[in-house]
Amino acid sequence: MKAGATQVLHLKVRNVGNDVWKARAPEGWMNIVTVGDRWLTADGKGVVNDMDSRGVLPHDLKPREEAE
């Protein structure tokens, strides 16, 4: 991507563990699975923007389930 460009990313995740990945929890962000982003400089040594957005699971994921 070029600096200043906007791009929508679609991710697919799969729970390969033995525990359910919770999409929501009474305590808010604690103890749930989310996807975040971290943008690095072109050389990969510096951080441009650290976690400016987070995506949540559409539902709880049982072992071996996946979500997009």
PDB file of N, CA and C in Angstrom:
ATOM      1  N   MET A   1       0.840  -1.184   0.000  1.00  0.00           N
ATOM      2  CA  MET A   1       0.000   0.000   0.000  1.00  0.00           C
ATOM      3  C   MET A   1       0.881   1.242   0.000  1.00  0.00           C
ATOM      4  N   LYS A   2       0.364   2.288  -0.604  1.00  0.00           N
ATOM      5  CA  LYS A   2       1.072   3.567  -0.599  1.00  0.00           C
ATOM      6  C   LYS A   2       0.611   4.406   0.580  1.00  0.00           C
ATOM      7  N   ALA A   3       1.475   5.266   1.058  1.00  0.00           N
ATOM      8  CA  ALA A   3       1.138   6.163   2.173  1.00  0.00           C
ATOM      9  C   ALA A   3      -0.133   6.936   1.844  1.00  0.00           C
ATOM     10  N   GLY A   4      -1.069   6.976   2.787  1.00  0.00           N
ATOM     11  CA  GLY A   4      -2.318   7.704   2.620  1.00  0.00           C
ATOM     12  C   GLY A   4      -3.419   6.913   1.934  1.00  0.00           C
ATOM     13  N   ALA A   5      -3.103   5.724   1.433  1.00  0.00           N
ATOM     14  CA  ALA A   5      -4.102   4.899   0.752  1.00  0.00           C
ATOM     15  C   ALA A   5      -5.061   4.274   1.761  1.00  0.00           C
ATOM     16  N   THR A   6      -6.262   4.025   1.310  1.00  0.00           N
ATOM     17  CA  THR A   6      -7.264   3.343   2.125  1.00  0.00           C
ATOM     18  C   THR A   6      -7.511   1.967   1.526  1.00  0.00           C
ATOM     19  N   GLN A   7      -7.545   0.966   2.372  1.00  0.00           N
ATOM     20  CA  GLN A   7      -7.746  -0.394   1.900  1.00  0.00           C
ATOM     21  C   GLN A   7      -8.581  -1.162   2.910  1.00  0.00           C
ATOM     22  N   VAL A   8      -9.557  -1.917   2.454  1.00  0.00           N
ATOM     23  CA  VAL A   8     -10.347  -2.787   3.317  1.00  0.00           C
ATOM     24  C   VAL A   8      -9.676  -4.159   3.320  1.00  0.00           C
ATOM     25  N   LEU A   9      -9.421  -4.686   4.496  1.00  0.00           N
ATOM     26  CA  LEU A   9      -8.806  -6.003   4.632  1.00  0.00           C
ATOM     27  C   LEU A   9      -9.840  -6.995   5.128  1.00  0.00           C
ATOM     28  N   HIS A  10      -9.887  -8.151   4.506  1.00  0.00           N
ATOM     29  CA  HIS A  10     -10.775  -9.232   4.936  1.00  0.00           C
ATOM     30  C   HIS A  10      -9.892 -10.340   5.491  1.00  0.00           C
ATOM     31  N   LEU A  11     -10.163 -10.745   6.707  1.00  0.00           N
ATOM     32  CA  LEU A  11      -9.361 -11.777   7.367  1.00  0.00           C
ATOM     33  C   LEU A  11     -10.226 -12.981   7.695  1.00  0.00           C
ATOM     34  N   LYS A  12      -9.602 -14.142   7.656  1.00  0.00           N
ATOM     35  CA  LYS A  12     -10.259 -15.363   8.106  1.00  0.00           C
ATOM     36  C   LYS A  12      -9.408 -15.918   9.234  1.00  0.00           C
ATOM     37  N   VAL A  13     -10.045 -16.247  10.346  1.00  0.00           N
ATOM     38  CA  VAL A  13      -9.336 -16.825  11.483  1.00  0.00           C
ATOM     39  C   VAL A  13      -9.933 -18.191  11.803  1.00  0.00           C
ATOM     40  N   ARG A  14      -9.076 -19.085  12.299  1.00  0.00           N
ATOM     41  CA  ARG A  14      -9.531 -20.424  12.696  1.00  0.00           C
ATOM     42  C   ARG A  14      -9.019 -20.701  14.094  1.00  0.00           C
ATOM     43  N   ASN A  15      -9.896 -21.201  14.940  1.00  0.00           N
ATOM     44  CA  ASN A  15      -9.528 -21.582  16.296  1.00  0.00           C
ATOM     45  C   ASN A  15      -8.938 -22.989  16.239  1.00  0.00           C
ATOM     46  N   VAL A  16      -7.621 -23.085  16.368  1.00  0.00           N
ATOM     47  CA  VAL A  16      -6.958 -24.391  16.330  1.00  0.00           C
ATOM     48  C   VAL A  16      -6.671 -24.909  17.739  1.00  0.00           C
ATOM     49  N   GLY A  17      -7.160 -24.200  18.748  1.00  0.00           N
ATOM     50  CA  GLY A  17      -6.955 -24.621  20.130  1.00  0.00           C
ATOM     51  C   GLY A  17      -8.096 -25.476  20.643  1.00  0.00           C
ATOM     52  N   ASN A  18      -8.137 -25.642  21.944  1.00  0.00           N
ATOM     53  CA  ASN A  18      -9.162 -26.470  22.586  1.00  0.00           C
ATOM     54  C   ASN A  18     -10.193 -25.659  23.355  1.00  0.00           C
ATOM     55  N   ASP A  19     -10.008 -24.355  23.439  1.00  0.00           N
ATOM     56  CA  ASP A  19     -10.921 -23.491  24.183  1.00  0.00           C
ATOM     57  C   ASP A  19     -11.759 -22.650  23.227  1.00  0.00           C
ATOM     58  N   VAL A  20     -12.952 -22.277  23.678  1.00  0.00           N
ATOM     59  CA  VAL A  20     -13.813 -21.394  22.887  1.00  0.00           C
ATOM     60  C   VAL A  20     -13.229 -19.989  22.909  1.00  0.00           C
ATOM     61  N   TRP A  21     -13.172 -19.345  21.750  1.00  0.00           N
ATOM     62  CA  TRP A  21     -12.775 -17.940  21.662  1.00  0.00           C
ATOM     63  C   TRP A  21     -14.022 -17.096  21.829  1.00  0.00           C
ATOM     64  N   LYS A  22     -14.086 -16.327  22.875  1.00  0.00           N
ATOM     65  CA  LYS A  22     -15.253 -15.497  23.153  1.00  0.00           C
ATOM     66  C   LYS A  22     -15.261 -14.247  22.280  1.00  0.00           C
ATOM     67  N   ALA A  23     -16.415 -13.923  21.713  1.00  0.00           N
ATOM     68  CA  ALA A  23     -16.579 -12.716  20.909  1.00  0.00           C
ATOM     69  C   ALA A  23     -16.976 -11.523  21.779  1.00  0.00           C
ATOM     70  N   ARG A  24     -17.638 -11.778  22.884  1.00  0.00           N
ATOM     71  CA  ARG A  24     -18.090 -10.719  23.793  1.00  0.00           C
ATOM     72  C   ARG A  24     -17.904 -11.198  25.236  1.00  0.00           C
ATOM     73  N   ALA A  25     -17.744 -10.248  26.147  1.00  0.00           N
ATOM     74  CA  ALA A  25     -17.609 -10.576  27.564  1.00  0.00           C
ATOM     75  C   ALA A  25     -18.173  -9.436  28.389  1.00  0.00           C
ATOM     76  N   PRO A  26     -18.725  -9.731  29.551  1.00  0.00           N
ATOM     77  CA  PRO A  26     -19.302  -8.685  30.401  1.00  0.00           C
ATOM     78  C   PRO A  26     -18.297  -7.599  30.785  1.00  0.00           C
ATOM     79  N   GLU A  27     -17.018  -7.962  30.875  1.00  0.00           N
ATOM     80  CA  GLU A  27     -16.000  -6.990  31.291  1.00  0.00           C
ATOM     81  C   GLU A  27     -15.446  -6.177  30.118  1.00  0.00           C
ATOM     82  N   GLY A  28     -16.119  -6.185  28.978  1.00  0.00           N
ATOM     83  CA  GLY A  28     -15.688  -5.395  27.834  1.00  0.00           C
ATOM     84  C   GLY A  28     -14.634  -6.102  27.006  1.00  0.00           C
ATOM     85  N   TRP A  29     -13.458  -5.487  26.861  1.00  0.00           N
ATOM     86  CA  TRP A  29     -12.396  -6.029  26.012  1.00  0.00           C
ATOM     87  C   TRP A  29     -11.581  -7.128  26.683  1.00  0.00           C
ATOM     88  N   MET A  30     -11.762  -7.322  27.970  1.00  0.00           N
ATOM     89  CA  MET A  30     -10.976  -8.333  28.670  1.00  0.00           C
ATOM     90  C   MET A  30     -11.476  -9.736  28.327  1.00  0.00           C
ATOM     91  N   ASN A  31     -10.561 -10.647  28.061  1.00  0.00           N
ATOM     92  CA  ASN A  31     -10.860 -12.071  27.854  1.00  0.00           C
ATOM     93  C   ASN A  31     -11.656 -12.373  26.593  1.00  0.00           C
ATOM     94  N   ILE A  32     -11.495 -11.545  25.550  1.00  0.00           N
ATOM     95  CA  ILE A  32     -12.091 -11.862  24.256  1.00  0.00           C
ATOM     96  C   ILE A  32     -10.981 -11.847  23.199  1.00  0.00           C
ATOM     97  N   VAL A  33     -11.272 -12.418  22.042  1.00  0.00           N
ATOM     98  CA  VAL A  33     -10.320 -12.436  20.938  1.00  0.00           C
ATOM     99  C   VAL A  33     -10.685 -11.311  19.976  1.00  0.00           C
ATOM    100  N   THR A  34      -9.692 -10.480  19.647  1.00  0.00           N
ATOM    101  CA  THR A  34      -9.871  -9.414  18.669  1.00  0.00           C
ATOM    102  C   THR A  34      -8.693  -9.433  17.703  1.00  0.00           C
ATOM    103  N   VAL A  35      -8.840  -8.736  16.593  1.00  0.00           N
ATOM    104  CA  VAL A  35      -7.761  -8.581  15.624  1.00  0.00           C
ATOM    105  C   VAL A  35      -7.415  -7.103  15.572  1.00  0.00           C
ATOM    106  N   GLY A  36      -6.136  -6.800  15.702  1.00  0.00           N
ATOM    107  CA  GLY A  36      -5.690  -5.409  15.655  1.00  0.00           C
ATOM    108  C   GLY A  36      -4.669  -5.211  14.552  1.00  0.00           C
ATOM    109  N   ASP A  37      -4.292  -3.961  14.341  1.00  0.00           N
ATOM    110  CA  ASP A  37      -3.305  -3.671  13.315  1.00  0.00           C
ATOM    111  C   ASP A  37      -2.174  -2.819  13.877  1.00  0.00           C
ATOM    112  N   ARG A  38      -1.028  -2.964  13.254  1.00  0.00           N
ATOM    113  CA  ARG A  38       0.143  -2.156  13.603  1.00  0.00           C
ATOM    114  C   ARG A  38       0.867  -1.868  12.291  1.00  0.00           C
ATOM    115  N   TRP A  39       0.987  -0.576  11.963  1.00  0.00           N
ATOM    116  CA  TRP A  39       1.627  -0.168  10.719  1.00  0.00           C
ATOM    117  C   TRP A  39       3.075   0.196  10.988  1.00  0.00           C
ATOM    118  N   LEU A  40       3.968  -0.376  10.177  1.00  0.00           N
ATOM    119  CA  LEU A  40       5.404  -0.170  10.342  1.00  0.00           C
ATOM    120  C   LEU A  40       5.958   0.719   9.227  1.00  0.00           C
ATOM    121  N   THR A  41       7.116   1.295   9.490  1.00  0.00           N
ATOM    122  CA  THR A  41       7.824   2.045   8.463  1.00  0.00           C
ATOM    123  C   THR A  41       8.270   1.083   7.358  1.00  0.00           C
ATOM    124  N   ALA A  42       8.659   1.621   6.212  1.00  0.00           N
ATOM    125  CA  ALA A  42       9.041   0.787   5.072  1.00  0.00           C
ATOM    126  C   ALA A  42      10.160  -0.188   5.402  1.00  0.00           C
ATOM    127  N   ASP A  43      11.071   0.206   6.291  1.00  0.00           N
ATOM    128  CA  ASP A  43      12.171  -0.699   6.645  1.00  0.00           C
ATOM    129  C   ASP A  43      11.782  -1.697   7.740  1.00  0.00           C
ATOM    130  N   GLY A  44      10.569  -1.564   8.285  1.00  0.00           N
ATOM    131  CA  GLY A  44      10.085  -2.490   9.304  1.00  0.00           C
ATOM    132  C   GLY A  44      10.650  -2.273  10.690  1.00  0.00           C
ATOM    133  N   LYS A  45      11.424  -1.211  10.880  1.00  0.00           N
ATOM    134  CA  LYS A  45      12.081  -0.977  12.168  1.00  0.00           C
ATOM    135  C   LYS A  45      11.339  -0.007  13.076  1.00  0.00           C
ATOM    136  N   GLY A  46      10.452   0.785  12.518  1.00  0.00           N
ATOM    137  CA  GLY A  46       9.726   1.770  13.315  1.00  0.00           C
ATOM    138  C   GLY A  46       8.222   1.565  13.211  1.00  0.00           C
ATOM    139  N   VAL A  47       7.499   2.038  14.201  1.00  0.00           N
ATOM    140  CA  VAL A  47       6.045   1.944  14.215  1.00  0.00           C
ATOM    141  C   VAL A  47       5.464   3.288  13.813  1.00  0.00           C
ATOM    142  N   VAL A  48       4.601   3.272  12.791  1.00  0.00           N
ATOM    143  CA  VAL A  48       3.937   4.492  12.318  1.00  0.00           C
ATOM    144  C   VAL A  48       2.668   4.730  13.114  1.00  0.00           C
ATOM    145  N   ASN A  49       1.869   3.686  13.259  1.00  0.00           N
ATOM    146  CA  ASN A  49       0.593   3.794  13.960  1.00  0.00           C
ATOM    147  C   ASN A  49       0.355   2.478  14.677  1.00  0.00           C
ATOM    148  N   ASP A  50       0.193   2.533  15.971  1.00  0.00           N
ATOM    149  CA  ASP A  50       0.090   1.326  16.780  1.00  0.00           C
ATOM    150  C   ASP A  50      -1.357   1.080  17.180  1.00  0.00           C
ATOM    151  N   MET A  51      -1.989   0.089  16.564  1.00  0.00           N
ATOM    152  CA  MET A  51      -3.334  -0.330  16.948  1.00  0.00           C
ATOM    153  C   MET A  51      -4.372   0.783  16.822  1.00  0.00           C
ATOM    154  N   ASP A  52      -4.587   1.267  15.606  1.00  0.00           N
ATOM    155  CA  ASP A  52      -5.594   2.307  15.435  1.00  0.00           C
ATOM    156  C   ASP A  52      -6.986   1.750  15.221  1.00  0.00           C
ATOM    157  N   SER A  53      -7.106   0.441  15.121  1.00  0.00           N
ATOM    158  CA  SER A  53      -8.421  -0.159  14.910  1.00  0.00           C
ATOM    159  C   SER A  53      -8.396  -1.597  15.420  1.00  0.00           C
ATOM    160  N   ARG A  54      -9.563  -2.100  15.779  1.00  0.00           N
ATOM    161  CA  ARG A  54      -9.686  -3.499  16.214  1.00  0.00           C
ATOM    162  C   ARG A  54     -10.936  -4.084  15.599  1.00  0.00           C
ATOM    163  N   GLY A  55     -10.853  -5.346  15.248  1.00  0.00           N
ATOM    164  CA  GLY A  55     -12.007  -6.072  14.751  1.00  0.00           C
ATOM    165  C   GLY A  55     -12.389  -7.146  15.749  1.00  0.00           C
ATOM    166  N   VAL A  56     -13.673  -7.377  15.886  1.00  0.00           N
ATOM    167  CA  VAL A  56     -14.165  -8.394  16.826  1.00  0.00           C
ATOM    168  C   VAL A  56     -14.720  -9.584  16.050  1.00  0.00           C
ATOM    169  N   LEU A  57     -14.789 -10.709  16.689  1.00  0.00           N
ATOM    170  CA  LEU A  57     -15.375 -11.904  16.078  1.00  0.00           C
ATOM    171  C   LEU A  57     -16.882 -11.710  15.918  1.00  0.00           C
ATOM    172  N   PRO A  58     -17.472 -12.268  14.870  1.00  0.00           N
ATOM    173  CA  PRO A  58     -18.922 -12.147  14.689  1.00  0.00           C
ATOM    174  C   PRO A  58     -19.721 -12.993  15.689  1.00  0.00           C
ATOM    175  N   HIS A  59     -19.062 -14.004  16.273  1.00  0.00           N
ATOM    176  CA  HIS A  59     -19.694 -14.896  17.254  1.00  0.00           C
ATOM    177  C   HIS A  59     -18.588 -15.682  17.950  1.00  0.00           C
ATOM    178  N   ASP A  60     -18.918 -16.349  19.037  1.00  0.00           N
ATOM    179  CA  ASP A  60     -17.936 -17.205  19.706  1.00  0.00           C
ATOM    180  C   ASP A  60     -17.461 -18.286  18.723  1.00  0.00           C
ATOM    181  N   LEU A  61     -16.179 -18.602  18.785  1.00  0.00           N
ATOM    182  CA  LEU A  61     -15.633 -19.637  17.914  1.00  0.00           C
ATOM    183  C   LEU A  61     -15.228 -20.851  18.733  1.00  0.00           C
ATOM    184  N   LYS A  62     -15.876 -21.968  18.458  1.00  0.00           N
ATOM    185  CA  LYS A  62     -15.522 -23.224  19.102  1.00  0.00           C
ATOM    186  C   LYS A  62     -14.258 -23.771  18.442  1.00  0.00           C
ATOM    187  N   PRO A  63     -13.567 -24.714  19.101  1.00  0.00           N
ATOM    188  CA  PRO A  63     -12.389 -25.326  18.479  1.00  0.00           C
ATOM    189  C   PRO A  63     -12.692 -25.846  17.077  1.00  0.00           C
ATOM    190  N   ARG A  64     -11.784 -25.564  16.149  1.00  0.00           N
ATOM    191  CA  ARG A  64     -11.847 -25.933  14.743  1.00  0.00           C
ATOM    192  C   ARG A  64     -12.843 -25.133  13.916  1.00  0.00           C
ATOM    193  N   GLU A  65     -13.552 -24.179  14.513  1.00  0.00           N
ATOM    194  CA  GLU A  65     -14.425 -23.299  13.732  1.00  0.00           C
ATOM    195  C   GLU A  65     -13.614 -22.130  13.189  1.00  0.00           C
ATOM    196  N   GLU A  66     -14.140 -21.499  12.140  1.00  0.00           N
ATOM    197  CA  GLU A  66     -13.488 -20.314  11.597  1.00  0.00           C
ATOM    198  C   GLU A  66     -14.527 -19.240  11.309  1.00  0.00           C
ATOM    199  N   ALA A  67     -14.032 -18.028  11.193  1.00  0.00           N
ATOM    200  CA  ALA A  67     -14.891 -16.884  10.901  1.00  0.00           C
ATOM    201  C   ALA A  67     -14.127 -15.930   9.996  1.00  0.00           C
ATOM    202  N   GLU A  68     -14.884 -15.167   9.218  1.00  0.00           N
ATOM    203  CA  GLU A  68     -14.275 -14.186   8.330  1.00  0.00           C
ATOM    204  C   GLU A  68     -14.663 -12.788   8.782  1.00  0.00           C
TER     205      GLU A  68
END
